[in-house]
PDB file of all heavy atoms in Angstrom:
ATOM      1  N   GLU A   1      10.873  -6.246   9.442  1.00  0.00           N
ATOM      2  CA  GLU A   1      10.594  -6.299   8.004  1.00  0.00           C
ATOM      3  C   GLU A   1       9.121  -5.977   7.733  1.00  0.00           C
ATOM      4  O   GLU A   1       8.791  -5.239   6.798  1.00  0.00           O
ATOM      5  CB  GLU A   1      10.935  -7.663   7.423  1.00  0.00           C
ATOM      6  CG  GLU A   1      12.415  -7.967   7.401  1.00  0.00           C
ATOM      7  CD  GLU A   1      12.703  -9.449   7.105  1.00  0.00           C
ATOM      8  OE1 GLU A   1      11.798 -10.297   7.210  1.00  0.00           O
ATOM      9  OE2 GLU A   1      13.868  -9.711   6.759  1.00  0.00           O
ATOM     10  N   TYR A   2       8.253  -6.531   8.563  1.00  0.00           N
ATOM     11  CA  TYR A   2       6.824  -6.310   8.393  1.00  0.00           C
ATOM     12  C   TYR A   2       6.481  -4.819   8.552  1.00  0.00           C
ATOM     13  O   TYR A   2       5.804  -4.225   7.737  1.00  0.00           O
ATOM     14  CB  TYR A   2       6.007  -7.135   9.403  1.00  0.00           C
ATOM     15  CG  TYR A   2       4.539  -6.858   9.331  1.00  0.00           C
ATOM     16  CD1 TYR A   2       3.756  -7.354   8.306  1.00  0.00           C
ATOM     17  CD2 TYR A   2       3.918  -6.091  10.317  1.00  0.00           C
ATOM     18  CE1 TYR A   2       2.387  -7.110   8.230  1.00  0.00           C
ATOM     19  CE2 TYR A   2       2.546  -5.819  10.257  1.00  0.00           C
ATOM     20  CZ  TYR A   2       1.806  -6.347   9.201  1.00  0.00           C
ATOM     21  OH  TYR A   2       0.463  -6.080   9.140  1.00  0.00           O
ATOM     22  N   VAL A   3       7.017  -4.202   9.605  1.00  0.00           N
ATOM     23  CA  VAL A   3       6.754  -2.788   9.857  1.00  0.00           C
ATOM     24  C   VAL A   3       7.310  -1.914   8.737  1.00  0.00           C
ATOM     25  O   VAL A   3       6.666  -0.988   8.277  1.00  0.00           O
ATOM     26  CB  VAL A   3       7.287  -2.370  11.253  1.00  0.00           C
ATOM     27  CG1 VAL A   3       7.207  -0.873  11.435  1.00  0.00           C
ATOM     28  CG2 VAL A   3       6.523  -3.075  12.345  1.00  0.00           C
ATOM     29  N   ASP A   4       8.515  -2.216   8.290  1.00  0.00           N
ATOM     30  CA  ASP A   4       9.129  -1.474   7.166  1.00  0.00           C
ATOM     31  C   ASP A   4       8.253  -1.566   5.917  1.00  0.00           C
ATOM     32  O   ASP A   4       8.024  -0.561   5.248  1.00  0.00           O
ATOM     33  CB  ASP A   4      10.530  -2.005   6.848  1.00  0.00           C
ATOM     34  CG  ASP A   4      11.586  -1.543   7.850  1.00  0.00           C
ATOM     35  OD1 ASP A   4      11.306  -0.583   8.600  1.00  0.00           O
ATOM     36  OD2 ASP A   4      12.678  -2.117   7.854  1.00  0.00           O
ATOM     37  N   GLN A   5       7.768  -2.753   5.606  1.00  0.00           N
ATOM     38  CA  GLN A   5       6.939  -2.943   4.434  1.00  0.00           C
ATOM     39  C   GLN A   5       5.590  -2.237   4.593  1.00  0.00           C
ATOM     40  O   GLN A   5       5.049  -1.646   3.643  1.00  0.00           O
ATOM     41  CB  GLN A   5       6.746  -4.419   4.137  1.00  0.00           C
ATOM     42  CG  GLN A   5       8.002  -5.090   3.584  1.00  0.00           C
ATOM     43  CD  GLN A   5       8.577  -4.392   2.400  1.00  0.00           C
ATOM     44  OE1 GLN A   5       9.654  -3.811   2.441  1.00  0.00           O
ATOM     45  NE2 GLN A   5       7.862  -4.408   1.295  1.00  0.00           N
ATOM     46  N   LEU A   6       5.033  -2.296   5.771  1.00  0.00           N
ATOM     47  CA  LEU A   6       3.757  -1.644   6.040  1.00  0.00           C
ATOM     48  C   LEU A   6       3.880  -0.130   5.898  1.00  0.00           C
ATOM     49  O   LEU A   6       3.046   0.521   5.279  1.00  0.00           O
ATOM     50  CB  LEU A   6       3.273  -2.020   7.434  1.00  0.00           C
ATOM     51  CG  LEU A   6       1.846  -1.677   7.818  1.00  0.00           C
ATOM     52  CD1 LEU A   6       0.861  -2.391   6.892  1.00  0.00           C
ATOM     53  CD2 LEU A   6       1.580  -2.084   9.248  1.00  0.00           C
ATOM     54  N   LEU A   7       4.966   0.443   6.434  1.00  0.00           N
ATOM     55  CA  LEU A   7       5.213   1.874   6.301  1.00  0.00           C
ATOM     56  C   LEU A   7       5.457   2.280   4.829  1.00  0.00           C
ATOM     57  O   LEU A   7       4.963   3.311   4.379  1.00  0.00           O
ATOM     58  CB  LEU A   7       6.391   2.297   7.150  1.00  0.00           C
ATOM     59  CG  LEU A   7       6.144   2.298   8.667  1.00  0.00           C
ATOM     60  CD1 LEU A   7       7.443   2.549   9.419  1.00  0.00           C
ATOM     61  CD2 LEU A   7       5.086   3.337   9.017  1.00  0.00           C
ATOM     62  N   ALA A   8       6.205   1.474   4.104  1.00  0.00           N
ATOM     63  CA  ALA A   8       6.474   1.765   2.699  1.00  0.00           C
ATOM     64  C   ALA A   8       5.154   1.724   1.888  1.00  0.00           C
ATOM     65  O   ALA A   8       4.947   2.567   1.007  1.00  0.00           O
ATOM     66  CB  ALA A   8       7.490   0.789   2.119  1.00  0.00           C
ATOM     67  N   THR A   9       4.303   0.771   2.194  1.00  0.00           N
ATOM     68  CA  THR A   9       3.011   0.665   1.498  1.00  0.00           C
ATOM     69  C   THR A   9       2.151   1.865   1.821  1.00  0.00           C
ATOM     70  O   THR A   9       1.553   2.471   0.920  1.00  0.00           O
ATOM     71  CB  THR A   9       2.312  -0.641   1.865  1.00  0.00           C
ATOM     72  OG1 THR A   9       3.137  -1.741   1.515  1.00  0.00           O
ATOM     73  CG2 THR A   9       0.976  -0.770   1.143  1.00  0.00           C
ATOM     74  N   ALA A  10       2.092   2.240   3.076  1.00  0.00           N
ATOM     75  CA  ALA A  10       1.316   3.432   3.479  1.00  0.00           C
ATOM     76  C   ALA A  10       1.857   4.680   2.800  1.00  0.00           C
ATOM     77  O   ALA A  10       1.078   5.533   2.319  1.00  0.00           O
ATOM     78  CB  ALA A  10       1.332   3.578   4.978  1.00  0.00           C
ATOM     79  N   GLU A  11       3.171   4.806   2.728  1.00  0.00           N
ATOM     80  CA  GLU A  11       3.784   5.946   2.087  1.00  0.00           C
ATOM     81  C   GLU A  11       3.393   5.994   0.606  1.00  0.00           C
ATOM     82  O   GLU A  11       3.076   7.071   0.074  1.00  0.00           O
ATOM     83  CB  GLU A  11       5.308   5.829   2.229  1.00  0.00           C
ATOM     84  CG  GLU A  11       6.080   7.050   1.763  1.00  0.00           C
ATOM     85  CD  GLU A  11       7.563   6.868   2.057  1.00  0.00           C
ATOM     86  OE1 GLU A  11       8.252   6.246   1.234  1.00  0.00           O
ATOM     87  OE2 GLU A  11       8.004   7.364   3.114  1.00  0.00           O
ATOM     88  N   THR A  12       3.378   4.876  -0.063  1.00  0.00           N
ATOM     89  CA  THR A  12       3.000   4.804  -1.460  1.00  0.00           C
ATOM     90  C   THR A  12       1.514   5.214  -1.639  1.00  0.00           C
ATOM     91  O   THR A  12       1.191   5.991  -2.528  1.00  0.00           O
ATOM     92  CB  THR A  12       3.203   3.388  -2.032  1.00  0.00           C
ATOM     93  OG1 THR A  12       4.601   3.088  -1.952  1.00  0.00           O
ATOM     94  CG2 THR A  12       2.748   3.280  -3.482  1.00  0.00           C
ATOM     95  N   LEU A  13       0.659   4.645  -0.809  1.00  0.00           N
ATOM     96  CA  LEU A  13      -0.778   4.903  -0.937  1.00  0.00           C
ATOM     97  C   LEU A  13      -1.104   6.378  -0.652  1.00  0.00           C
ATOM     98  O   LEU A  13      -2.026   6.918  -1.232  1.00  0.00           O
ATOM     99  CB  LEU A  13      -1.583   3.992   0.007  1.00  0.00           C
ATOM    100  CG  LEU A  13      -1.518   2.521  -0.333  1.00  0.00           C
ATOM    101  CD1 LEU A  13      -2.295   1.711   0.695  1.00  0.00           C
ATOM    102  CD2 LEU A  13      -2.036   2.213  -1.732  1.00  0.00           C
ATOM    103  N   LEU A  14      -0.349   7.003   0.246  1.00  0.00           N
ATOM    104  CA  LEU A  14      -0.616   8.396   0.599  1.00  0.00           C
ATOM    105  C   LEU A  14       0.147   9.394  -0.299  1.00  0.00           C
ATOM    106  O   LEU A  14      -0.082  10.600  -0.208  1.00  0.00           O
ATOM    107  CB  LEU A  14      -0.261   8.629   2.055  1.00  0.00           C
ATOM    108  CG  LEU A  14      -1.144   7.887   3.056  1.00  0.00           C
ATOM    109  CD1 LEU A  14      -0.583   8.033   4.452  1.00  0.00           C
ATOM    110  CD2 LEU A  14      -2.570   8.365   2.991  1.00  0.00           C
ATOM    111  N   SER A  15       0.993   8.899  -1.172  1.00  0.00           N
ATOM    112  CA  SER A  15       1.831   9.774  -2.014  1.00  0.00           C
ATOM    113  C   SER A  15       1.057  10.488  -3.107  1.00  0.00           C
ATOM    114  O   SER A  15       1.493  11.516  -3.598  1.00  0.00           O
ATOM    115  CB  SER A  15       2.996   9.009  -2.602  1.00  0.00           C
ATOM    116  OG  SER A  15       2.526   8.092  -3.592  1.00  0.00           O
ATOM    117  N   ASP A  16      -0.068   9.917  -3.480  1.00  0.00           N
ATOM    118  CA  ASP A  16      -0.829  10.481  -4.596  1.00  0.00           C
ATOM    119  C   ASP A  16      -2.305  10.115  -4.411  1.00  0.00           C
ATOM    120  O   ASP A  16      -2.614   8.959  -4.118  1.00  0.00           O
ATOM    121  CB  ASP A  16      -0.305   9.893  -5.909  1.00  0.00           C
ATOM    122  CG  ASP A  16      -0.869  10.573  -7.129  1.00  0.00           C
ATOM    123  OD1 ASP A  16      -2.090  10.783  -7.198  1.00  0.00           O
ATOM    124  OD2 ASP A  16      -0.079  10.881  -8.030  1.00  0.00           O
ATOM    125  N   PRO A  17      -3.202  11.077  -4.604  1.00  0.00           N
ATOM    126  CA  PRO A  17      -4.638  10.766  -4.422  1.00  0.00           C
ATOM    127  C   PRO A  17      -5.134   9.601  -5.249  1.00  0.00           C
ATOM    128  O   PRO A  17      -6.030   8.875  -4.847  1.00  0.00           O
ATOM    129  CB  PRO A  17      -5.337  12.070  -4.828  1.00  0.00           C
ATOM    130  CG  PRO A  17      -4.329  13.138  -4.586  1.00  0.00           C
ATOM    131  CD  PRO A  17      -2.988  12.465  -4.881  1.00  0.00           C
ATOM    132  N   ARG A  18      -4.556   9.388  -6.444  1.00  0.00           N
ATOM    133  CA  ARG A  18      -5.022   8.273  -7.283  1.00  0.00           C
ATOM    134  C   ARG A  18      -4.752   6.930  -6.615  1.00  0.00           C
ATOM    135  O   ARG A  18      -5.477   5.970  -6.827  1.00  0.00           O
ATOM    136  CB  ARG A  18      -4.434   8.324  -8.670  1.00  0.00           C
ATOM    137  CG  ARG A  18      -2.974   7.988  -8.696  1.00  0.00           C
ATOM    138  CD  ARG A  18      -2.450   7.913 -10.092  1.00  0.00           C
ATOM    139  NE  ARG A  18      -1.071   7.482 -10.004  1.00  0.00           N
ATOM    140  CZ  ARG A  18      -0.118   7.793 -10.790  1.00  0.00           C
ATOM    141  NH1 ARG A  18      -0.368   8.591 -11.805  1.00  0.00           N
ATOM    142  NH2 ARG A  18       1.091   7.359 -10.619  1.00  0.00           N
ATOM    143  N   HIS A  19      -3.688   6.840  -5.794  1.00  0.00           N
ATOM    144  CA  HIS A  19      -3.424   5.603  -5.062  1.00  0.00           C
ATOM    145  C   HIS A  19      -4.367   5.518  -3.843  1.00  0.00           C
ATOM    146  O   HIS A  19      -4.895   4.457  -3.548  1.00  0.00           O
ATOM    147  CB  HIS A  19      -1.982   5.562  -4.535  1.00  0.00           C
ATOM    148  CG  HIS A  19      -0.956   5.560  -5.595  1.00  0.00           C
ATOM    149  ND1 HIS A  19      -0.899   4.608  -6.581  1.00  0.00           N
ATOM    150  CD2 HIS A  19       0.080   6.403  -5.843  1.00  0.00           C
ATOM    151  CE1 HIS A  19       0.117   4.858  -7.377  1.00  0.00           C
ATOM    152  NE2 HIS A  19       0.719   5.940  -6.948  1.00  0.00           N
ATOM    153  N   PHE A  20      -4.514   6.647  -3.175  1.00  0.00           N
ATOM    154  CA  PHE A  20      -5.294   6.655  -1.937  1.00  0.00           C
ATOM    155  C   PHE A  20      -6.759   6.316  -2.156  1.00  0.00           C
ATOM    156  O   PHE A  20      -7.368   5.589  -1.400  1.00  0.00           O
ATOM    157  CB  PHE A  20      -5.159   8.030  -1.267  1.00  0.00           C
ATOM    158  CG  PHE A  20      -5.836   8.098   0.075  1.00  0.00           C
ATOM    159  CD1 PHE A  20      -5.253   7.501   1.164  1.00  0.00           C
ATOM    160  CD2 PHE A  20      -7.046   8.753   0.240  1.00  0.00           C
ATOM    161  CE1 PHE A  20      -5.866   7.555   2.425  1.00  0.00           C
ATOM    162  CE2 PHE A  20      -7.642   8.810   1.461  1.00  0.00           C
ATOM    163  CZ  PHE A  20      -7.052   8.214   2.563  1.00  0.00           C
ATOM    164  N   PHE A  21      -7.333   6.813  -3.254  1.00  0.00           N
ATOM    165  CA  PHE A  21      -8.753   6.596  -3.485  1.00  0.00           C
ATOM    166  C   PHE A  21      -9.057   5.389  -4.352  1.00  0.00           C
ATOM    167  O   PHE A  21     -10.224   5.086  -4.590  1.00  0.00           O
ATOM    168  CB  PHE A  21      -9.372   7.867  -4.111  1.00  0.00           C
ATOM    169  CG  PHE A  21      -9.423   9.018  -3.169  1.00  0.00           C
ATOM    170  CD1 PHE A  21      -8.603  10.098  -3.304  1.00  0.00           C
ATOM    171  CD2 PHE A  21     -10.302   8.980  -2.087  1.00  0.00           C
ATOM    172  CE1 PHE A  21      -8.647  11.158  -2.421  1.00  0.00           C
ATOM    173  CE2 PHE A  21     -10.354  10.016  -1.182  1.00  0.00           C
ATOM    174  CZ  PHE A  21      -9.506  11.105  -1.343  1.00  0.00           C
ATOM    175  N   ARG A  22      -8.076   4.656  -4.769  1.00  0.00           N
ATOM    176  CA  ARG A  22      -8.288   3.464  -5.568  1.00  0.00           C
ATOM    177  C   ARG A  22      -8.791   2.341  -4.664  1.00  0.00           C
ATOM    178  O   ARG A  22      -8.417   2.237  -3.514  1.00  0.00           O
ATOM    179  CB  ARG A  22      -6.981   3.035  -6.246  1.00  0.00           C
ATOM    180  CG  ARG A  22      -7.114   1.823  -7.097  1.00  0.00           C
ATOM    181  CD  ARG A  22      -5.823   1.478  -7.783  1.00  0.00           C
ATOM    182  NE  ARG A  22      -5.929   0.115  -8.247  1.00  0.00           N
ATOM    183  CZ  ARG A  22      -4.912  -0.685  -8.438  1.00  0.00           C
ATOM    184  NH1 ARG A  22      -3.707  -0.285  -8.215  1.00  0.00           N
ATOM    185  NH2 ARG A  22      -5.103  -1.909  -8.879  1.00  0.00           N
ATOM    186  N   SER A  23      -9.611   1.487  -5.200  1.00  0.00           N
ATOM    187  CA  SER A  23     -10.109   0.344  -4.445  1.00  0.00           C
ATOM    188  C   SER A  23      -9.208  -0.868  -4.702  1.00  0.00           C
ATOM    189  O   SER A  23      -9.267  -1.503  -5.746  1.00  0.00           O
ATOM    190  CB  SER A  23     -11.546   0.011  -4.900  1.00  0.00           C
ATOM    191  OG  SER A  23     -12.048  -1.078  -4.158  1.00  0.00           O
ATOM    192  N   TYR A  24      -8.322  -1.157  -3.734  1.00  0.00           N
ATOM    193  CA  TYR A  24      -7.377  -2.273  -3.882  1.00  0.00           C
ATOM    194  C   TYR A  24      -7.988  -3.547  -3.365  1.00  0.00           C
ATOM    195  O   TYR A  24      -8.668  -3.556  -2.336  1.00  0.00           O
ATOM    196  CB  TYR A  24      -6.111  -1.962  -3.080  1.00  0.00           C
ATOM    197  CG  TYR A  24      -5.196  -0.929  -3.683  1.00  0.00           C
ATOM    198  CD1 TYR A  24      -5.326   0.413  -3.332  1.00  0.00           C
ATOM    199  CD2 TYR A  24      -4.240  -1.278  -4.626  1.00  0.00           C
ATOM    200  CE1 TYR A  24      -4.489   1.380  -3.873  1.00  0.00           C
ATOM    201  CE2 TYR A  24      -3.413  -0.312  -5.183  1.00  0.00           C
ATOM    202  CZ  TYR A  24      -3.544   1.000  -4.810  1.00  0.00           C
ATOM    203  OH  TYR A  24      -2.734   1.944  -5.354  1.00  0.00           O
ATOM    204  N   SER A  25      -7.690  -4.653  -4.040  1.00  0.00           N
ATOM    205  CA  SER A  25      -8.151  -5.972  -3.557  1.00  0.00           C
ATOM    206  C   SER A  25      -7.201  -6.429  -2.438  1.00  0.00           C
ATOM    207  O   SER A  25      -6.091  -5.913  -2.289  1.00  0.00           O
ATOM    208  CB  SER A  25      -8.140  -6.978  -4.700  1.00  0.00           C
ATOM    209  OG  SER A  25      -6.807  -7.231  -5.099  1.00  0.00           O
ATOM    210  N   ALA A  26      -7.639  -7.413  -1.672  1.00  0.00           N
ATOM    211  CA  ALA A  26      -6.773  -7.958  -0.650  1.00  0.00           C
ATOM    212  C   ALA A  26      -5.508  -8.562  -1.241  1.00  0.00           C
ATOM    213  O   ALA A  26      -4.429  -8.439  -0.678  1.00  0.00           O
ATOM    214  CB  ALA A  26      -7.553  -9.036   0.168  1.00  0.00           C
ATOM    215  N   ALA A  27      -5.635  -9.168  -2.410  1.00  0.00           N
ATOM    216  CA  ALA A  27      -4.461  -9.760  -3.071  1.00  0.00           C
ATOM    217  C   ALA A  27      -3.451  -8.674  -3.473  1.00  0.00           C
ATOM    218  O   ALA A  27      -2.234  -8.865  -3.291  1.00  0.00           O
ATOM    219  CB  ALA A  27      -4.880 -10.548  -4.308  1.00  0.00           C
ATOM    220  N   GLU A  28      -3.937  -7.520  -3.942  1.00  0.00           N
ATOM    221  CA  GLU A  28      -3.036  -6.444  -4.328  1.00  0.00           C
ATOM    222  C   GLU A  28      -2.364  -5.819  -3.129  1.00  0.00           C
ATOM    223  O   GLU A  28      -1.162  -5.537  -3.137  1.00  0.00           O
ATOM    224  CB  GLU A  28      -3.791  -5.393  -5.146  1.00  0.00           C
ATOM    225  CG  GLU A  28      -2.940  -4.294  -5.654  1.00  0.00           C
ATOM    226  CD  GLU A  28      -1.885  -4.704  -6.690  1.00  0.00           C
ATOM    227  OE1 GLU A  28      -1.909  -5.834  -7.172  1.00  0.00           O
ATOM    228  OE2 GLU A  28      -1.026  -3.854  -7.014  1.00  0.00           O
ATOM    229  N   ILE A  29      -3.083  -5.627  -2.056  1.00  0.00           N
ATOM    230  CA  ILE A  29      -2.485  -5.102  -0.833  1.00  0.00           C
ATOM    231  C   ILE A  29      -1.436  -6.072  -0.321  1.00  0.00           C
ATOM    232  O   ILE A  29      -0.343  -5.690   0.086  1.00  0.00           O
ATOM    233  CB  ILE A  29      -3.556  -4.839   0.257  1.00  0.00           C
ATOM    234  CG1 ILE A  29      -4.490  -3.711  -0.172  1.00  0.00           C
ATOM    235  CG2 ILE A  29      -2.933  -4.558   1.626  1.00  0.00           C
ATOM    236  CD1 ILE A  29      -3.843  -2.340  -0.223  1.00  0.00           C
ATOM    237  N   GLY A  30      -1.744  -7.359  -0.348  1.00  0.00           N
ATOM    238  CA  GLY A  30      -0.794  -8.371   0.082  1.00  0.00           C
ATOM    239  C   GLY A  30       0.484  -8.342  -0.770  1.00  0.00           C
ATOM    240  O   GLY A  30       1.603  -8.454  -0.269  1.00  0.00           O
ATOM    241  N   ARG A  31       0.315  -8.157  -2.087  1.00  0.00           N
ATOM    242  CA  ARG A  31       1.456  -8.079  -2.980  1.00  0.00           C
ATOM    243  C   ARG A  31       2.289  -6.835  -2.702  1.00  0.00           C
ATOM    244  O   ARG A  31       3.520  -6.894  -2.644  1.00  0.00           O
ATOM    245  CB  ARG A  31       0.986  -8.049  -4.458  1.00  0.00           C
ATOM    246  CG  ARG A  31       2.140  -8.131  -5.444  1.00  0.00           C
ATOM    247  CD  ARG A  31       1.710  -7.785  -6.850  1.00  0.00           C
ATOM    248  NE  ARG A  31       1.316  -6.405  -6.994  1.00  0.00           N
ATOM    249  CZ  ARG A  31       2.154  -5.340  -7.061  1.00  0.00           C
ATOM    250  NH1 ARG A  31       3.438  -5.531  -6.952  1.00  0.00           N
ATOM    251  NH2 ARG A  31       1.706  -4.116  -7.231  1.00  0.00           N
ATOM    252  N   LEU A  32       1.634  -5.702  -2.453  1.00  0.00           N
ATOM    253  CA  LEU A  32       2.358  -4.460  -2.158  1.00  0.00           C
ATOM    254  C   LEU A  32       3.166  -4.583  -0.876  1.00  0.00           C
ATOM    255  O   LEU A  32       4.287  -4.120  -0.797  1.00  0.00           O
ATOM    256  CB  LEU A  32       1.362  -3.293  -2.017  1.00  0.00           C
ATOM    257  CG  LEU A  32       0.732  -2.789  -3.315  1.00  0.00           C
ATOM    258  CD1 LEU A  32      -0.400  -1.817  -2.989  1.00  0.00           C
ATOM    259  CD2 LEU A  32       1.764  -2.139  -4.181  1.00  0.00           C
ATOM    260  N   ILE A  33       2.582  -5.183   0.125  1.00  0.00           N
ATOM    261  CA  ILE A  33       3.279  -5.306   1.404  1.00  0.00           C
ATOM    262  C   ILE A  33       4.380  -6.364   1.349  1.00  0.00           C
ATOM    263  O   ILE A  33       5.454  -6.177   1.914  1.00  0.00           O
ATOM    264  CB  ILE A  33       2.282  -5.622   2.541  1.00  0.00           C
ATOM    265  CG1 ILE A  33       1.341  -4.421   2.764  1.00  0.00           C
ATOM    266  CG2 ILE A  33       3.018  -5.956   3.834  1.00  0.00           C
ATOM    267  CD1 ILE A  33       0.253  -4.663   3.785  1.00  0.00           C
ATOM    268  N   ALA A  34       4.136  -7.453   0.650  1.00  0.00           N
ATOM    269  CA  ALA A  34       5.106  -8.556   0.627  1.00  0.00           C
ATOM    270  C   ALA A  34       6.296  -8.307  -0.319  1.00  0.00           C
ATOM    271  O   ALA A  34       7.347  -8.940  -0.170  1.00  0.00           O
ATOM    272  CB  ALA A  34       4.402  -9.851   0.248  1.00  0.00           C
TER     273      ALA A  34
END
């Protein structure tokens, strides 16, 4: 489950430059993965 969520988050962040270059907080990254 962890690996699936990590891959899905990476896929989202790399899908569009606006996601990739945004400065995400630790809380937001945690929310995206969880």
